[in-house]
Amino acid sequence: MRDETIPLPLVSVVVPVYQGADHIAGCIESVLAQDYPGDRLEMLVVDNGSSDATREIAGSYPVR
């Protein structure tokens, strides 16, 4: 049983991506749907120079 007086750790999820327009939205939505407090979670999408719509799609979500 978790002690509710101790805050959960800060978690960073790093998603490297290249030419991922077909999959990045589903990936981001899956991570954001996790049962983890939003104030303790950050998601970083690292695009490796994609020339498709990966950057625009990722930019429409609350990620960095």
N, C-alpha and C. Protein backbone atom coordinates (compact mmCIF):
# COMPACT_ATOMS: atom_id res chain seq x y z
N MET A 1 0.85 -1.18 0.00
CA MET A 1 0.00 0.00 0.00
C MET A 1 0.90 1.24 0.00
N ARG A 2 0.54 2.19 -0.83
CA ARG A 2 1.33 3.41 -0.97
C ARG A 2 1.00 4.43 0.10
N ASP A 3 2.03 5.05 0.68
CA ASP A 3 1.86 6.11 1.67
C ASP A 3 1.49 7.39 0.91
N GLU A 4 0.28 7.85 1.03
CA GLU A 4 -0.23 9.01 0.30
C GLU A 4 0.44 10.32 0.71
N THR A 5 1.16 10.34 1.84
CA THR A 5 1.82 11.56 2.28
C THR A 5 3.14 11.79 1.55
N ILE A 6 3.65 10.75 0.89
CA ILE A 6 4.89 10.87 0.14
C ILE A 6 4.53 11.07 -1.33
N PRO A 7 4.97 12.20 -1.91
CA PRO A 7 4.60 12.45 -3.31
C PRO A 7 5.22 11.43 -4.26
N LEU A 8 4.51 11.16 -5.33
CA LEU A 8 5.05 10.28 -6.36
C LEU A 8 6.26 10.95 -7.00
N PRO A 9 7.19 10.17 -7.52
CA PRO A 9 8.37 10.77 -8.15
C PRO A 9 8.00 11.47 -9.46
N LEU A 10 8.84 12.43 -9.83
CA LEU A 10 8.70 13.07 -11.12
C LEU A 10 9.15 12.06 -12.18
N VAL A 11 8.39 11.96 -13.26
CA VAL A 11 8.70 10.99 -14.31
C VAL A 11 8.81 11.71 -15.64
N SER A 12 9.85 11.41 -16.38
CA SER A 12 10.01 11.94 -17.74
C SER A 12 9.93 10.77 -18.71
N VAL A 13 9.08 10.91 -19.71
CA VAL A 13 8.96 9.92 -20.77
C VAL A 13 9.55 10.56 -22.01
N VAL A 14 10.60 9.95 -22.55
CA VAL A 14 11.27 10.49 -23.73
C VAL A 14 10.93 9.58 -24.91
N VAL A 15 10.35 10.20 -25.95
CA VAL A 15 9.97 9.45 -27.14
C VAL A 15 10.80 9.94 -28.33
N PRO A 16 11.80 9.16 -28.75
CA PRO A 16 12.54 9.53 -29.94
C PRO A 16 11.71 9.13 -31.16
N VAL A 17 11.71 9.99 -32.18
CA VAL A 17 10.88 9.69 -33.35
C VAL A 17 11.53 10.23 -34.61
N TYR A 18 11.32 9.50 -35.70
CA TYR A 18 11.75 9.95 -37.03
C TYR A 18 10.72 9.44 -38.03
N GLN A 19 10.17 10.36 -38.79
CA GLN A 19 9.15 10.03 -39.79
C GLN A 19 8.00 9.24 -39.14
N GLY A 20 7.52 9.72 -38.01
CA GLY A 20 6.52 9.00 -37.23
C GLY A 20 5.11 9.54 -37.32
N ALA A 21 4.79 10.27 -38.38
CA ALA A 21 3.46 10.90 -38.47
C ALA A 21 2.32 9.90 -38.34
N ASP A 22 2.50 8.69 -38.82
CA ASP A 22 1.43 7.70 -38.77
C ASP A 22 1.20 7.14 -37.37
N HIS A 23 2.16 7.32 -36.47
CA HIS A 23 2.06 6.66 -35.16
C HIS A 23 2.22 7.58 -33.96
N ILE A 24 2.73 8.78 -34.14
CA ILE A 24 3.07 9.62 -32.99
C ILE A 24 1.84 10.02 -32.18
N ALA A 25 0.71 10.28 -32.81
CA ALA A 25 -0.48 10.67 -32.06
C ALA A 25 -0.91 9.55 -31.12
N GLY A 26 -0.95 8.33 -31.61
CA GLY A 26 -1.33 7.19 -30.77
C GLY A 26 -0.36 6.98 -29.62
N CYS A 27 0.92 7.16 -29.89
CA CYS A 27 1.93 7.01 -28.85
C CYS A 27 1.74 8.06 -27.76
N ILE A 28 1.59 9.31 -28.16
CA ILE A 28 1.41 10.40 -27.19
C ILE A 28 0.13 10.19 -26.39
N GLU A 29 -0.95 9.85 -27.06
CA GLU A 29 -2.22 9.64 -26.37
C GLU A 29 -2.13 8.49 -25.37
N SER A 30 -1.40 7.45 -25.71
CA SER A 30 -1.24 6.32 -24.79
C SER A 30 -0.49 6.72 -23.53
N VAL A 31 0.57 7.48 -23.69
CA VAL A 31 1.35 7.92 -22.52
C VAL A 31 0.51 8.86 -21.66
N LEU A 32 -0.18 9.81 -22.29
CA LEU A 32 -0.97 10.77 -21.52
C LEU A 32 -2.18 10.14 -20.84
N ALA A 33 -2.61 8.99 -21.32
CA ALA A 33 -3.77 8.30 -20.74
C ALA A 33 -3.41 7.47 -19.50
N GLN A 34 -2.13 7.40 -19.17
CA GLN A 34 -1.70 6.62 -18.01
C GLN A 34 -2.29 7.18 -16.73
N ASP A 35 -2.47 6.31 -15.76
CA ASP A 35 -3.00 6.71 -14.46
C ASP A 35 -1.85 7.21 -13.58
N TYR A 36 -1.36 8.40 -13.92
CA TYR A 36 -0.26 9.02 -13.19
C TYR A 36 -0.54 10.51 -13.16
N PRO A 37 -0.35 11.15 -12.02
CA PRO A 37 -0.69 12.58 -11.93
C PRO A 37 0.05 13.43 -12.96
N GLY A 38 -0.69 14.24 -13.69
CA GLY A 38 -0.12 15.07 -14.73
C GLY A 38 0.93 16.05 -14.24
N ASP A 39 0.83 16.46 -12.97
CA ASP A 39 1.83 17.40 -12.44
C ASP A 39 3.13 16.70 -12.07
N ARG A 40 3.18 15.38 -12.17
CA ARG A 40 4.38 14.62 -11.84
C ARG A 40 4.98 13.96 -13.09
N LEU A 41 4.39 14.27 -14.27
CA LEU A 41 4.79 13.60 -15.51
C LEU A 41 5.11 14.63 -16.59
N GLU A 42 6.22 14.44 -17.26
CA GLU A 42 6.52 15.25 -18.43
C GLU A 42 6.81 14.30 -19.58
N MET A 43 6.43 14.73 -20.78
CA MET A 43 6.69 13.93 -21.96
C MET A 43 7.49 14.75 -22.94
N LEU A 44 8.61 14.19 -23.36
CA LEU A 44 9.50 14.86 -24.30
C LEU A 44 9.51 14.07 -25.60
N VAL A 45 9.12 14.72 -26.68
CA VAL A 45 9.17 14.09 -28.00
C VAL A 45 10.39 14.66 -28.71
N VAL A 46 11.31 13.77 -29.05
CA VAL A 46 12.57 14.19 -29.67
C VAL A 46 12.52 13.76 -31.14
N ASP A 47 12.33 14.73 -32.01
CA ASP A 47 12.23 14.46 -33.44
C ASP A 47 13.62 14.56 -34.08
N ASN A 48 13.98 13.56 -34.84
CA ASN A 48 15.30 13.51 -35.46
C ASN A 48 15.26 14.02 -36.91
N GLY A 49 14.63 15.18 -37.11
CA GLY A 49 14.63 15.80 -38.43
C GLY A 49 13.63 15.23 -39.40
N SER A 50 12.50 14.78 -38.92
CA SER A 50 11.47 14.23 -39.81
C SER A 50 11.04 15.26 -40.85
N SER A 51 10.73 14.78 -42.05
CA SER A 51 10.23 15.66 -43.09
C SER A 51 8.73 15.47 -43.33
N ASP A 52 8.11 14.59 -42.54
CA ASP A 52 6.66 14.41 -42.63
C ASP A 52 5.99 15.31 -41.59
N ALA A 53 4.78 15.04 -41.22
CA ALA A 53 4.02 15.90 -40.30
C ALA A 53 4.24 15.58 -38.82
N THR A 54 5.26 14.81 -38.51
CA THR A 54 5.51 14.42 -37.12
C THR A 54 5.56 15.62 -36.18
N ARG A 55 6.32 16.62 -36.53
CA ARG A 55 6.51 17.80 -35.66
C ARG A 55 5.18 18.52 -35.42
N GLU A 56 4.40 18.71 -36.44
CA GLU A 56 3.12 19.41 -36.31
C GLU A 56 2.14 18.61 -35.46
N ILE A 57 2.11 17.31 -35.66
CA ILE A 57 1.20 16.46 -34.88
C ILE A 57 1.60 16.50 -33.41
N ALA A 58 2.87 16.29 -33.12
CA ALA A 58 3.35 16.29 -31.73
C ALA A 58 3.09 17.65 -31.09
N GLY A 59 3.24 18.72 -31.87
CA GLY A 59 3.04 20.07 -31.35
C GLY A 59 1.60 20.39 -30.98
N SER A 60 0.68 19.55 -31.39
CA SER A 60 -0.73 19.80 -31.06
C SER A 60 -1.11 19.17 -29.71
N TYR A 61 -0.14 18.55 -29.05
CA TYR A 61 -0.36 17.92 -27.74
C TYR A 61 0.43 18.66 -26.65
N PRO A 62 0.04 18.48 -25.39
CA PRO A 62 0.76 19.16 -24.29
C PRO A 62 2.05 18.43 -23.93
N VAL A 63 2.98 18.40 -24.89
CA VAL A 63 4.29 17.76 -24.68
C VAL A 63 5.37 18.76 -25.05
N ARG A 64 6.59 18.43 -24.69
CA ARG A 64 7.72 19.29 -25.06
C ARG A 64 8.55 18.55 -26.08
